[in-house]
Amino acid sequence: MGIELELHSERPTWTESEVWHTSRATLLRGSYEHGEALEQLLTRLGRDSPGGLGSVDRVGDTLFDEREAEAALREIPGLLRQCVHESQTVAVHDLATLLASCAATPGSHLWFMGD
């Protein structure tokens, strides 16, 4: 499964029993097909990575707001250099698109959903 991504128009709110119901109200776009490749790459980053991608929880949830997404975009060139498979390159490009959309959308959040 790996790490799935969802871009939300605002901070998603939910309760344990309503995760899917309430999170869908703000969903703009999801990325569910590159999870394993994305997890492989993010695992290589240190927790103190300059853009914050190293702090993404691989088994839990992590939310980035528009400022954090903008900072994380600076890590994309380094991630692309680490790609050894086409699936990883595609995953990084998808991540970059979602980060850029989040950075450009006031109030939005990018939700990293770990296993």
PDB file of N, CA and C in Angstrom:
ATOM      1  N   MET A   1       0.817  -1.187   0.000  1.00  0.00           N
ATOM      2  CA  MET A   1       0.000   0.000   0.000  1.00  0.00           C
ATOM      3  C   MET A   1       0.861   1.251   0.000  1.00  0.00           C
ATOM      4  N   GLY A   2       1.750   1.448   0.955  1.00  0.00           N
ATOM      5  CA  GLY A   2       2.631   2.601   0.972  1.00  0.00           C
ATOM      6  C   GLY A   2       1.943   3.856   1.471  1.00  0.00           C
ATOM      7  N   ILE A   3       2.293   4.992   0.867  1.00  0.00           N
ATOM      8  CA  ILE A   3       1.761   6.286   1.272  1.00  0.00           C
ATOM      9  C   ILE A   3       0.844   6.818   0.176  1.00  0.00           C
ATOM     10  N   GLU A   4      -0.408   7.022   0.520  1.00  0.00           N
ATOM     11  CA  GLU A   4      -1.363   7.599  -0.413  1.00  0.00           C
ATOM     12  C   GLU A   4      -1.489   9.090  -0.115  1.00  0.00           C
ATOM     13  N   LEU A   5      -1.909   9.848  -1.108  1.00  0.00           N
ATOM     14  CA  LEU A   5      -1.994  11.300  -0.983  1.00  0.00           C
ATOM     15  C   LEU A   5      -3.395  11.793  -1.309  1.00  0.00           C
ATOM     16  N   GLU A   6      -3.836  12.804  -0.560  1.00  0.00           N
ATOM     17  CA  GLU A   6      -5.078  13.489  -0.888  1.00  0.00           C
ATOM     18  C   GLU A   6      -4.886  14.983  -0.685  1.00  0.00           C
ATOM     19  N   LEU A   7      -5.323  15.749  -1.663  1.00  0.00           N
ATOM     20  CA  LEU A   7      -5.321  17.204  -1.564  1.00  0.00           C
ATOM     21  C   LEU A   7      -6.728  17.648  -1.181  1.00  0.00           C
ATOM     22  N   HIS A   8      -6.811  18.440  -0.107  1.00  0.00           N
ATOM     23  CA  HIS A   8      -8.099  18.911   0.399  1.00  0.00           C
ATOM     24  C   HIS A   8      -8.157  20.436   0.349  1.00  0.00           C
ATOM     25  N   SER A   9      -9.327  20.958   0.093  1.00  0.00           N
ATOM     26  CA  SER A   9      -9.516  22.404  -0.009  1.00  0.00           C
ATOM     27  C   SER A   9      -9.324  23.107   1.331  1.00  0.00           C
ATOM     28  N   GLU A  10      -9.495  22.384   2.406  1.00  0.00           N
ATOM     29  CA  GLU A  10      -9.254  22.891   3.748  1.00  0.00           C
ATOM     30  C   GLU A  10      -8.832  21.719   4.619  1.00  0.00           C
ATOM     31  N   ARG A  11      -8.433  22.028   5.839  1.00  0.00           N
ATOM     32  CA  ARG A  11      -7.976  20.960   6.733  1.00  0.00           C
ATOM     33  C   ARG A  11      -9.101  19.940   6.916  1.00  0.00           C
ATOM     34  N   PRO A  12      -8.856  18.691   6.534  1.00  0.00           N
ATOM     35  CA  PRO A  12      -9.905  17.684   6.710  1.00  0.00           C
ATOM     36  C   PRO A  12     -10.140  17.396   8.187  1.00  0.00           C
ATOM     37  N   THR A  13     -11.382  17.244   8.544  1.00  0.00           N
ATOM     38  CA  THR A  13     -11.736  16.880   9.916  1.00  0.00           C
ATOM     39  C   THR A  13     -12.489  15.565   9.875  1.00  0.00           C
ATOM     40  N   TRP A  14     -12.304  14.781  10.888  1.00  0.00           N
ATOM     41  CA  TRP A  14     -12.939  13.479  10.917  1.00  0.00           C
ATOM     42  C   TRP A  14     -12.920  12.928  12.328  1.00  0.00           C
ATOM     43  N   THR A  15     -13.738  11.942  12.533  1.00  0.00           N
ATOM     44  CA  THR A  15     -13.661  11.132  13.739  1.00  0.00           C
ATOM     45  C   THR A  15     -13.252   9.741  13.281  1.00  0.00           C
ATOM     46  N   GLU A  16     -12.813   8.942  14.176  1.00  0.00           N
ATOM     47  CA  GLU A  16     -12.332   7.602  13.826  1.00  0.00           C
ATOM     48  C   GLU A  16     -13.357   6.827  13.011  1.00  0.00           C
ATOM     49  N   SER A  17     -14.627   6.953  13.357  1.00  0.00           N
ATOM     50  CA  SER A  17     -15.651   6.188  12.642  1.00  0.00           C
ATOM     51  C   SER A  17     -16.121   6.871  11.361  1.00  0.00           C
ATOM     52  N   GLU A  18     -15.736   8.135  11.149  1.00  0.00           N
ATOM     53  CA  GLU A  18     -16.231   8.867   9.994  1.00  0.00           C
ATOM     54  C   GLU A  18     -15.131   9.308   9.028  1.00  0.00           C
ATOM     55  N   VAL A  19     -13.964   8.719   9.107  1.00  0.00           N
ATOM     56  CA  VAL A  19     -12.844   9.160   8.278  1.00  0.00           C
ATOM     57  C   VAL A  19     -13.245   9.370   6.827  1.00  0.00           C
ATOM     58  N   TRP A  20     -13.858   8.386   6.216  1.00  0.00           N
ATOM     59  CA  TRP A  20     -14.168   8.504   4.790  1.00  0.00           C
ATOM     60  C   TRP A  20     -15.292   9.489   4.531  1.00  0.00           C
ATOM     61  N   HIS A  21     -16.252   9.536   5.389  1.00  0.00           N
ATOM     62  CA  HIS A  21     -17.398  10.420   5.166  1.00  0.00           C
ATOM     63  C   HIS A  21     -17.002  11.894   5.203  1.00  0.00           C
ATOM     64  N   THR A  22     -16.384  12.347   6.279  1.00  0.00           N
ATOM     65  CA  THR A  22     -16.116  13.771   6.401  1.00  0.00           C
ATOM     66  C   THR A  22     -14.917  14.209   5.576  1.00  0.00           C
ATOM     67  N   SER A  23     -13.955  13.366   5.349  1.00  0.00           N
ATOM     68  CA  SER A  23     -12.793  13.782   4.568  1.00  0.00           C
ATOM     69  C   SER A  23     -13.160  13.993   3.104  1.00  0.00           C
ATOM     70  N   ARG A  24     -14.172  13.332   2.598  1.00  0.00           N
ATOM     71  CA  ARG A  24     -14.566  13.457   1.190  1.00  0.00           C
ATOM     72  C   ARG A  24     -15.187  14.812   0.882  1.00  0.00           C
ATOM     73  N   ALA A  25     -15.698  15.501   1.888  1.00  0.00           N
ATOM     74  CA  ALA A  25     -16.351  16.792   1.655  1.00  0.00           C
ATOM     75  C   ALA A  25     -15.376  17.842   1.146  1.00  0.00           C
ATOM     76  N   THR A  26     -14.105  17.722   1.493  1.00  0.00           N
ATOM     77  CA  THR A  26     -13.108  18.724   1.102  1.00  0.00           C
ATOM     78  C   THR A  26     -12.113  18.199   0.073  1.00  0.00           C
ATOM     79  N   LEU A  27     -12.280  16.970  -0.373  1.00  0.00           N
ATOM     80  CA  LEU A  27     -11.323  16.338  -1.291  1.00  0.00           C
ATOM     81  C   LEU A  27     -11.316  17.024  -2.652  1.00  0.00           C
ATOM     82  N   LEU A  28     -10.113  17.422  -3.102  1.00  0.00           N
ATOM     83  CA  LEU A  28      -9.933  17.987  -4.436  1.00  0.00           C
ATOM     84  C   LEU A  28      -9.352  16.959  -5.404  1.00  0.00           C
ATOM     85  N   ARG A  29      -8.383  16.172  -4.912  1.00  0.00           N
ATOM     86  CA  ARG A  29      -7.720  15.185  -5.770  1.00  0.00           C
ATOM     87  C   ARG A  29      -6.999  14.177  -4.893  1.00  0.00           C
ATOM     88  N   GLY A  30      -6.993  12.936  -5.335  1.00  0.00           N
ATOM     89  CA  GLY A  30      -6.279  11.896  -4.612  1.00  0.00           C
ATOM     90  C   GLY A  30      -5.265  11.212  -5.503  1.00  0.00           C
ATOM     91  N   SER A  31      -4.260  10.635  -4.878  1.00  0.00           N
ATOM     92  CA  SER A  31      -3.255   9.834  -5.574  1.00  0.00           C
ATOM     93  C   SER A  31      -3.059   8.565  -4.764  1.00  0.00           C
ATOM     94  N   TYR A  32      -3.465   7.435  -5.341  1.00  0.00           N
ATOM     95  CA  TYR A  32      -3.481   6.182  -4.597  1.00  0.00           C
ATOM     96  C   TYR A  32      -2.646   5.085  -5.255  1.00  0.00           C
ATOM     97  N   GLU A  33      -2.106   5.339  -6.424  1.00  0.00           N
ATOM     98  CA  GLU A  33      -1.444   4.274  -7.179  1.00  0.00           C
ATOM     99  C   GLU A  33       0.076   4.246  -7.058  1.00  0.00           C
ATOM    100  N   HIS A  34       0.682   5.214  -6.371  1.00  0.00           N
ATOM    101  CA  HIS A  34       2.149   5.272  -6.304  1.00  0.00           C
ATOM    102  C   HIS A  34       2.680   5.098  -4.886  1.00  0.00           C
ATOM    103  N   GLY A  35       1.849   4.591  -3.997  1.00  0.00           N
ATOM    104  CA  GLY A  35       2.178   4.549  -2.576  1.00  0.00           C
ATOM    105  C   GLY A  35       3.470   3.855  -2.212  1.00  0.00           C
ATOM    106  N   GLU A  36       3.706   2.678  -2.757  1.00  0.00           N
ATOM    107  CA  GLU A  36       4.911   1.929  -2.394  1.00  0.00           C
ATOM    108  C   GLU A  36       6.170   2.630  -2.883  1.00  0.00           C
ATOM    109  N   ALA A  37       6.144   3.123  -4.115  1.00  0.00           N
ATOM    110  CA  ALA A  37       7.314   3.819  -4.662  1.00  0.00           C
ATOM    111  C   ALA A  37       7.601   5.085  -3.866  1.00  0.00           C
ATOM    112  N   LEU A  38       6.559   5.818  -3.502  1.00  0.00           N
ATOM    113  CA  LEU A  38       6.731   7.041  -2.728  1.00  0.00           C
ATOM    114  C   LEU A  38       7.292   6.736  -1.342  1.00  0.00           C
ATOM    115  N   GLU A  39       6.789   5.695  -0.725  1.00  0.00           N
ATOM    116  CA  GLU A  39       7.284   5.313   0.594  1.00  0.00           C
ATOM    117  C   GLU A  39       8.769   4.940   0.538  1.00  0.00           C
ATOM    118  N   GLN A  40       9.173   4.210  -0.480  1.00  0.00           N
ATOM    119  CA  GLN A  40      10.586   3.836  -0.628  1.00  0.00           C
ATOM    120  C   GLN A  40      11.483   5.065  -0.651  1.00  0.00           C
ATOM    121  N   LEU A  41      11.075   6.078  -1.381  1.00  0.00           N
ATOM    122  CA  LEU A  41      11.885   7.293  -1.488  1.00  0.00           C
ATOM    123  C   LEU A  41      11.872   8.119  -0.208  1.00  0.00           C
ATOM    124  N   LEU A  42      10.704   8.298   0.385  1.00  0.00           N
ATOM    125  CA  LEU A  42      10.627   9.116   1.585  1.00  0.00           C
ATOM    126  C   LEU A  42      11.338   8.467   2.764  1.00  0.00           C
ATOM    127  N   THR A  43      11.410   7.147   2.763  1.00  0.00           N
ATOM    128  CA  THR A  43      12.116   6.430   3.829  1.00  0.00           C
ATOM    129  C   THR A  43      13.604   6.787   3.839  1.00  0.00           C
ATOM    130  N   ARG A  44      14.152   7.135   2.700  1.00  0.00           N
ATOM    131  CA  ARG A  44      15.575   7.486   2.600  1.00  0.00           C
ATOM    132  C   ARG A  44      15.906   8.862   3.171  1.00  0.00           C
ATOM    133  N   LEU A  45      14.896   9.703   3.328  1.00  0.00           N
ATOM    134  CA  LEU A  45      15.120  11.050   3.830  1.00  0.00           C
ATOM    135  C   LEU A  45      15.247  11.047   5.348  1.00  0.00           C
ATOM    136  N   GLY A  46      16.092  11.910   5.855  1.00  0.00           N
ATOM    137  CA  GLY A  46      16.200  12.071   7.295  1.00  0.00           C
ATOM    138  C   GLY A  46      15.037  12.877   7.835  1.00  0.00           C
ATOM    139  N   ARG A  47      14.698  12.678   9.099  1.00  0.00           N
ATOM    140  CA  ARG A  47      13.568  13.386   9.700  1.00  0.00           C
ATOM    141  C   ARG A  47      13.752  14.903   9.673  1.00  0.00           C
ATOM    142  N   ASP A  48      14.990  15.347   9.545  1.00  0.00           N
ATOM    143  CA  ASP A  48      15.264  16.786   9.526  1.00  0.00           C
ATOM    144  C   ASP A  48      15.519  17.298   8.106  1.00  0.00           C
ATOM    145  N   SER A  49      14.945  16.635   7.109  1.00  0.00           N
ATOM    146  CA  SER A  49      15.116  17.065   5.721  1.00  0.00           C
ATOM    147  C   SER A  49      14.650  18.515   5.594  1.00  0.00           C
ATOM    148  N   PRO A  50      15.308  19.300   4.758  1.00  0.00           N
ATOM    149  CA  PRO A  50      15.047  20.743   4.709  1.00  0.00           C
ATOM    150  C   PRO A  50      13.625  21.136   4.332  1.00  0.00           C
ATOM    151  N   GLY A  51      12.925  20.326   3.568  1.00  0.00           N
ATOM    152  CA  GLY A  51      11.563  20.671   3.166  1.00  0.00           C
ATOM    153  C   GLY A  51      10.491  19.994   3.970  1.00  0.00           C
ATOM    154  N   GLY A  52      10.868  19.128   4.897  1.00  0.00           N
ATOM    155  CA  GLY A  52       9.902  18.474   5.759  1.00  0.00           C
ATOM    156  C   GLY A  52       9.393  17.123   5.295  1.00  0.00           C
ATOM    157  N   LEU A  53       9.753  16.693   4.084  1.00  0.00           N
ATOM    158  CA  LEU A  53       9.242  15.405   3.604  1.00  0.00           C
ATOM    159  C   LEU A  53       9.761  14.232   4.429  1.00  0.00           C
ATOM    160  N   GLY A  54      10.899  14.400   5.072  1.00  0.00           N
ATOM    161  CA  GLY A  54      11.432  13.342   5.921  1.00  0.00           C
ATOM    162  C   GLY A  54      10.608  13.113   7.177  1.00  0.00           C
ATOM    163  N   SER A  55       9.755  14.073   7.509  1.00  0.00           N
ATOM    164  CA  SER A  55       8.925  13.938   8.709  1.00  0.00           C
ATOM    165  C   SER A  55       7.591  13.245   8.432  1.00  0.00           C
ATOM    166  N   VAL A  56       7.339  12.886   7.181  1.00  0.00           N
ATOM    167  CA  VAL A  56       6.094  12.205   6.848  1.00  0.00           C
ATOM    168  C   VAL A  56       6.064  10.848   7.543  1.00  0.00           C
ATOM    169  N   ASP A  57       4.996  10.591   8.277  1.00  0.00           N
ATOM    170  CA  ASP A  57       4.822   9.338   9.012  1.00  0.00           C
ATOM    171  C   ASP A  57       4.455   8.229   8.026  1.00  0.00           C
ATOM    172  N   ARG A  58       5.283   7.201   7.954  1.00  0.00           N
ATOM    173  CA  ARG A  58       5.067   6.123   6.992  1.00  0.00           C
ATOM    174  C   ARG A  58       3.950   5.169   7.388  1.00  0.00           C
ATOM    175  N   VAL A  59       3.542   5.187   8.653  1.00  0.00           N
ATOM    176  CA  VAL A  59       2.471   4.292   9.101  1.00  0.00           C
ATOM    177  C   VAL A  59       1.237   5.038   9.589  1.00  0.00           C
ATOM    178  N   GLY A  60       1.348   6.324   9.791  1.00  0.00           N
ATOM    179  CA  GLY A  60       0.215   7.130  10.255  1.00  0.00           C
ATOM    180  C   GLY A  60      -0.136   8.191   9.234  1.00  0.00           C
ATOM    181  N   ASP A  61      -0.711   9.262   9.711  1.00  0.00           N
ATOM    182  CA  ASP A  61      -1.127  10.356   8.848  1.00  0.00           C
ATOM    183  C   ASP A  61      -0.289  11.600   9.114  1.00  0.00           C
ATOM    184  N   THR A  62      -0.024  12.349   8.059  1.00  0.00           N
ATOM    185  CA  THR A  62       0.691  13.613   8.151  1.00  0.00           C
ATOM    186  C   THR A  62      -0.040  14.612   7.269  1.00  0.00           C
ATOM    187  N   LEU A  63      -0.249  15.812   7.774  1.00  0.00           N
ATOM    188  CA  LEU A  63      -0.877  16.872   6.992  1.00  0.00           C
ATOM    189  C   LEU A  63       0.133  17.987   6.746  1.00  0.00           C
ATOM    190  N   PHE A  64       0.203  18.471   5.508  1.00  0.00           N
ATOM    191  CA  PHE A  64       0.989  19.652   5.164  1.00  0.00           C
ATOM    192  C   PHE A  64       0.016  20.754   4.788  1.00  0.00           C
ATOM    193  N   ASP A  65       0.246  21.952   5.323  1.00  0.00           N
ATOM    194  CA  ASP A  65      -0.533  23.094   4.867  1.00  0.00           C
ATOM    195  C   ASP A  65       0.190  23.722   3.673  1.00  0.00           C
ATOM    196  N   GLU A  66      -0.325  24.824   3.161  1.00  0.00           N
ATOM    197  CA  GLU A  66       0.241  25.405   1.952  1.00  0.00           C
ATOM    198  C   GLU A  66       1.689  25.869   2.145  1.00  0.00           C
ATOM    199  N   ARG A  67       2.039  26.372   3.328  1.00  0.00           N
ATOM    200  CA  ARG A  67       3.431  26.786   3.580  1.00  0.00           C
ATOM    201  C   ARG A  67       4.364  25.580   3.584  1.00  0.00           C
ATOM    202  N   GLU A  68       3.945  24.518   4.252  1.00  0.00           N
ATOM    203  CA  GLU A  68       4.762  23.317   4.320  1.00  0.00           C
ATOM    204  C   GLU A  68       4.899  22.675   2.946  1.00  0.00           C
ATOM    205  N   ALA A  69       3.841  22.711   2.155  1.00  0.00           N
ATOM    206  CA  ALA A  69       3.900  22.165   0.795  1.00  0.00           C
ATOM    207  C   ALA A  69       4.885  22.947  -0.053  1.00  0.00           C
ATOM    208  N   GLU A  70       4.881  24.263   0.086  1.00  0.00           N
ATOM    209  CA  GLU A  70       5.818  25.093  -0.672  1.00  0.00           C
ATOM    210  C   GLU A  70       7.264  24.769  -0.291  1.00  0.00           C
ATOM    211  N   ALA A  71       7.526  24.587   0.991  1.00  0.00           N
ATOM    212  CA  ALA A  71       8.874  24.232   1.442  1.00  0.00           C
ATOM    213  C   ALA A  71       9.275  22.854   0.926  1.00  0.00           C
ATOM    214  N   ALA A  72       8.335  21.916   0.922  1.00  0.00           N
ATOM    215  CA  ALA A  72       8.628  20.549   0.480  1.00  0.00           C
ATOM    216  C   ALA A  72       8.955  20.482  -1.006  1.00  0.00           C
ATOM    217  N   LEU A  73       8.430  21.402  -1.781  1.00  0.00           N
ATOM    218  CA  LEU A  73       8.728  21.423  -3.224  1.00  0.00           C
ATOM    219  C   LEU A  73      10.228  21.524  -3.497  1.00  0.00           C
ATOM    220  N   ARG A  74      10.966  22.136  -2.593  1.00  0.00           N
ATOM    221  CA  ARG A  74      12.422  22.271  -2.771  1.00  0.00           C
ATOM    222  C   ARG A  74      13.140  20.921  -2.719  1.00  0.00           C
ATOM    223  N   GLU A  75      12.489  19.917  -2.165  1.00  0.00           N
ATOM    224  CA  GLU A  75      13.101  18.591  -2.070  1.00  0.00           C
ATOM    225  C   GLU A  75      12.885  17.737  -3.318  1.00  0.00           C
ATOM    226  N   ILE A  76      12.016  18.160  -4.198  1.00  0.00           N
ATOM    227  CA  ILE A  76      11.678  17.359  -5.375  1.00  0.00           C
ATOM    228  C   ILE A  76      12.888  17.071  -6.263  1.00  0.00           C
ATOM    229  N   PRO A  77      13.746  18.042  -6.595  1.00  0.00           N
ATOM    230  CA  PRO A  77      14.907  17.709  -7.445  1.00  0.00           C
ATOM    231  C   PRO A  77      15.797  16.627  -6.835  1.00  0.00           C
ATOM    232  N   GLY A  78      16.000  16.675  -5.525  1.00  0.00           N
ATOM    233  CA  GLY A  78      16.803  15.646  -4.864  1.00  0.00           C
ATOM    234  C   GLY A  78      16.144  14.281  -4.900  1.00  0.00           C
ATOM    235  N   LEU A  79      14.830  14.256  -4.720  1.00  0.00           N
ATOM    236  CA  LEU A  79      14.109  12.985  -4.803  1.00  0.00           C
ATOM    237  C   LEU A  79      14.199  12.406  -6.209  1.00  0.00           C
ATOM    238  N   LEU A  80      14.081  13.251  -7.214  1.00  0.00           N
ATOM    239  CA  LEU A  80      14.173  12.764  -8.599  1.00  0.00           C
ATOM    240  C   LEU A  80      15.539  12.151  -8.883  1.00  0.00           C
ATOM    241  N   ARG A  81      16.582  12.716  -8.303  1.00  0.00           N
ATOM    242  CA  ARG A  81      17.936  12.158  -8.502  1.00  0.00           C
ATOM    243  C   ARG A  81      18.086  10.788  -7.840  1.00  0.00           C
ATOM    244  N   GLN A  82      17.276  10.509  -6.831  1.00  0.00           N
ATOM    245  CA  GLN A  82      17.355   9.227  -6.128  1.00  0.00           C
ATOM    246  C   GLN A  82      16.532   8.126  -6.788  1.00  0.00           C
ATOM    247  N   CYS A  83      15.719   8.462  -7.746  1.00  0.00           N
ATOM    248  CA  CYS A  83      14.847   7.480  -8.389  1.00  0.00           C
ATOM    249  C   CYS A  83      15.663   6.469  -9.188  1.00  0.00           C
ATOM    250  N   VAL A  84      15.375   5.193  -8.950  1.00  0.00           N
ATOM    251  CA  VAL A  84      16.054   4.134  -9.699  1.00  0.00           C
ATOM    252  C   VAL A  84      15.086   3.349 -10.574  1.00  0.00           C
ATOM    253  N   HIS A  85      13.808   3.580 -10.386  1.00  0.00           N
ATOM    254  CA  HIS A  85      12.778   2.909 -11.183  1.00  0.00           C
ATOM    255  C   HIS A  85      11.823   3.958 -11.738  1.00  0.00           C
ATOM    256  N   GLU A  86      11.247   3.681 -12.878  1.00  0.00           N
ATOM    257  CA  GLU A  86      10.275   4.583 -13.484  1.00  0.00           C
ATOM    258  C   GLU A  86       9.097   4.832 -12.549  1.00  0.00           C
ATOM    259  N   SER A  87       8.703   3.813 -11.792  1.00  0.00           N
ATOM    260  CA  SER A  87       7.576   3.978 -10.872  1.00  0.00           C
ATOM    261  C   SER A  87       7.880   5.046  -9.814  1.00  0.00           C
ATOM    262  N   GLN A  88       9.138   5.139  -9.398  1.00  0.00           N
ATOM    263  CA  GLN A  88       9.520   6.155  -8.424  1.00  0.00           C
ATOM    264  C   GLN A  88       9.488   7.549  -9.052  1.00  0.00           C
ATOM    265  N   THR A  89       9.951   7.654 -10.283  1.00  0.00           N
ATOM    266  CA  THR A  89       9.929   8.940 -10.977  1.00  0.00           C
ATOM    267  C   THR A  89       8.496   9.434 -11.134  1.00  0.00           C
ATOM    268  N   VAL A  90       7.599   8.551 -11.527  1.00  0.00           N
ATOM    269  CA  VAL A  90       6.187   8.915 -11.679  1.00  0.00           C
ATOM    270  C   VAL A  90       5.612   9.342 -10.330  1.00  0.00           C
ATOM    271  N   ALA A  91       5.960   8.639  -9.271  1.00  0.00           N
ATOM    272  CA  ALA A  91       5.463   8.976  -7.934  1.00  0.00           C
ATOM    273  C   ALA A  91       5.926  10.364  -7.508  1.00  0.00           C
ATOM    274  N   VAL A  92       7.176  10.696  -7.787  1.00  0.00           N
ATOM    275  CA  VAL A  92       7.709  12.010  -7.400  1.00  0.00           C
ATOM    276  C   VAL A  92       7.042  13.116  -8.215  1.00  0.00           C
ATOM    277  N   HIS A  93       6.822  12.880  -9.491  1.00  0.00           N
ATOM    278  CA  HIS A  93       6.139  13.889 -10.308  1.00  0.00           C
ATOM    279  C   HIS A  93       4.709  14.116  -9.808  1.00  0.00           C
ATOM    280  N   ASP A  94       4.025  13.048  -9.421  1.00  0.00           N
ATOM    281  CA  ASP A  94       2.679  13.174  -8.883  1.00  0.00           C
ATOM    282  C   ASP A  94       2.709  13.942  -7.565  1.00  0.00           C
ATOM    283  N   LEU A  95       3.661  13.617  -6.704  1.00  0.00           N
ATOM    284  CA  LEU A  95       3.825  14.335  -5.447  1.00  0.00           C
ATOM    285  C   LEU A  95       4.083  15.817  -5.713  1.00  0.00           C
ATOM    286  N   ALA A  96       4.953  16.112  -6.664  1.00  0.00           N
ATOM    287  CA  ALA A  96       5.275  17.508  -6.981  1.00  0.00           C
ATOM    288  C   ALA A  96       4.032  18.263  -7.444  1.00  0.00           C
ATOM    289  N   THR A  97       3.214  17.627  -8.258  1.00  0.00           N
ATOM    290  CA  THR A  97       1.985  18.265  -8.740  1.00  0.00           C
ATOM    291  C   THR A  97       1.054  18.589  -7.581  1.00  0.00           C
ATOM    292  N   LEU A  98       0.893  17.645  -6.658  1.00  0.00           N
ATOM    293  CA  LEU A  98       0.009  17.858  -5.515  1.00  0.00           C
ATOM    294  C   LEU A  98       0.574  18.910  -4.560  1.00  0.00           C
ATOM    295  N   LEU A  99       1.898  18.892  -4.348  1.00  0.00           N
ATOM    296  CA  LEU A  99       2.516  19.910  -3.500  1.00  0.00           C
ATOM    297  C   LEU A  99       2.334  21.301  -4.102  1.00  0.00           C
ATOM    298  N   ALA A 100       2.545  21.418  -5.410  1.00  0.00           N
ATOM    299  CA  ALA A 100       2.394  22.711  -6.081  1.00  0.00           C
ATOM    300  C   ALA A 100       0.946  23.195  -6.004  1.00  0.00           C
ATOM    301  N   SER A 101      -0.007  22.301  -6.191  1.00  0.00           N
ATOM    302  CA  SER A 101      -1.416  22.667  -6.092  1.00  0.00           C
ATOM    303  C   SER A 101      -1.761  23.126  -4.679  1.00  0.00           C
ATOM    304  N   CYS A 102      -1.248  22.423  -3.697  1.00  0.00           N
ATOM    305  CA  CYS A 102      -1.495  22.797  -2.306  1.00  0.00           C
ATOM    306  C   CYS A 102      -0.876  24.163  -2.013  1.00  0.00           C
ATOM    307  N   ALA A 103       0.360  24.370  -2.441  1.00  0.00           N
ATOM    308  CA  ALA A 103       1.042  25.640  -2.197  1.00  0.00           C
ATOM    309  C   ALA A 103       0.306  26.806  -2.846  1.00  0.00           C
ATOM    310  N   ALA A 104      -0.358  26.557  -3.947  1.00  0.00           N
ATOM    311  CA  ALA A 104      -1.053  27.611  -4.687  1.00  0.00           C
ATOM    312  C   ALA A 104      -2.516  27.806  -4.264  1.00  0.00           C
ATOM    313  N   THR A 105      -3.000  26.980  -3.344  1.00  0.00           N
ATOM    314  CA  THR A 105      -4.411  27.039  -2.947  1.00  0.00           C
ATOM    315  C   THR A 105      -4.516  27.421  -1.475  1.00  0.00           C
ATOM    316  N   PRO A 106      -4.844  28.675  -1.202  1.00  0.00           N
ATOM    317  CA  PRO A 106      -4.948  29.116   0.197  1.00  0.00           C
ATOM    318  C   PRO A 106      -5.907  28.246   1.004  1.00  0.00           C
ATOM    319  N   GLY A 107      -5.457  27.856   2.185  1.00  0.00           N
ATOM    320  CA  GLY A 107      -6.279  27.060   3.090  1.00  0.00           C
ATOM    321  C   GLY A 107      -6.253  25.569   2.845  1.00  0.00           C
ATOM    322  N   SER A 108      -5.602  25.141   1.767  1.00  0.00           N
ATOM    323  CA  SER A 108      -5.603  23.714   1.438  1.00  0.00           C
ATOM    324  C   SER A 108      -4.604  22.941   2.289  1.00  0.00           C
ATOM    325  N   HIS A 109      -4.762  21.610   2.266  1.00  0.00           N
ATOM    326  CA  HIS A 109      -3.871  20.701   2.984  1.00  0.00           C
ATOM    327  C   HIS A 109      -3.616  19.464   2.133  1.00  0.00           C
ATOM    328  N   LEU A 110      -2.384  18.986   2.173  1.00  0.00           N
ATOM    329  CA  LEU A 110      -2.030  17.720   1.527  1.00  0.00           C
ATOM    330  C   LEU A 110      -1.915  16.681   2.636  1.00  0.00           C
ATOM    331  N   TRP A 111      -2.694  15.619   2.492  1.00  0.00           N
ATOM    332  CA  TRP A 111      -2.780  14.566   3.493  1.00  0.00           C
ATOM    333  C   TRP A 111      -1.984  13.371   3.009  1.00  0.00           C
ATOM    334  N   PHE A 112      -0.939  13.019   3.754  1.00  0.00           N
ATOM    335  CA  PHE A 112      -0.135  11.830   3.503  1.00  0.00           C
ATOM    336  C   PHE A 112      -0.713  10.728   4.394  1.00  0.00           C
ATOM    337  N   MET A 113      -1.215   9.663   3.786  1.00  0.00           N
ATOM    338  CA  MET A 113      -1.838   8.584   4.557  1.00  0.00           C
ATOM    339  C   MET A 113      -0.943   7.349   4.489  1.00  0.00           C
ATOM    340  N   GLY A 114      -0.286   7.036   5.601  1.00  0.00           N
ATOM    341  CA  GLY A 114       0.580   5.874   5.659  1.00  0.00           C
ATOM    342  C   GLY A 114      -0.204   4.594   5.874  1.00  0.00           C
ATOM    343  N   ASP A 115       0.514   3.475   5.820  1.00  0.00           N
ATOM    344  CA  ASP A 115      -0.130   2.164   6.020  1.00  0.00           C
ATOM    345  C   ASP A 115      -0.767   2.063   7.368  1.00  0.00           C
TER     346      ASP A 115
END
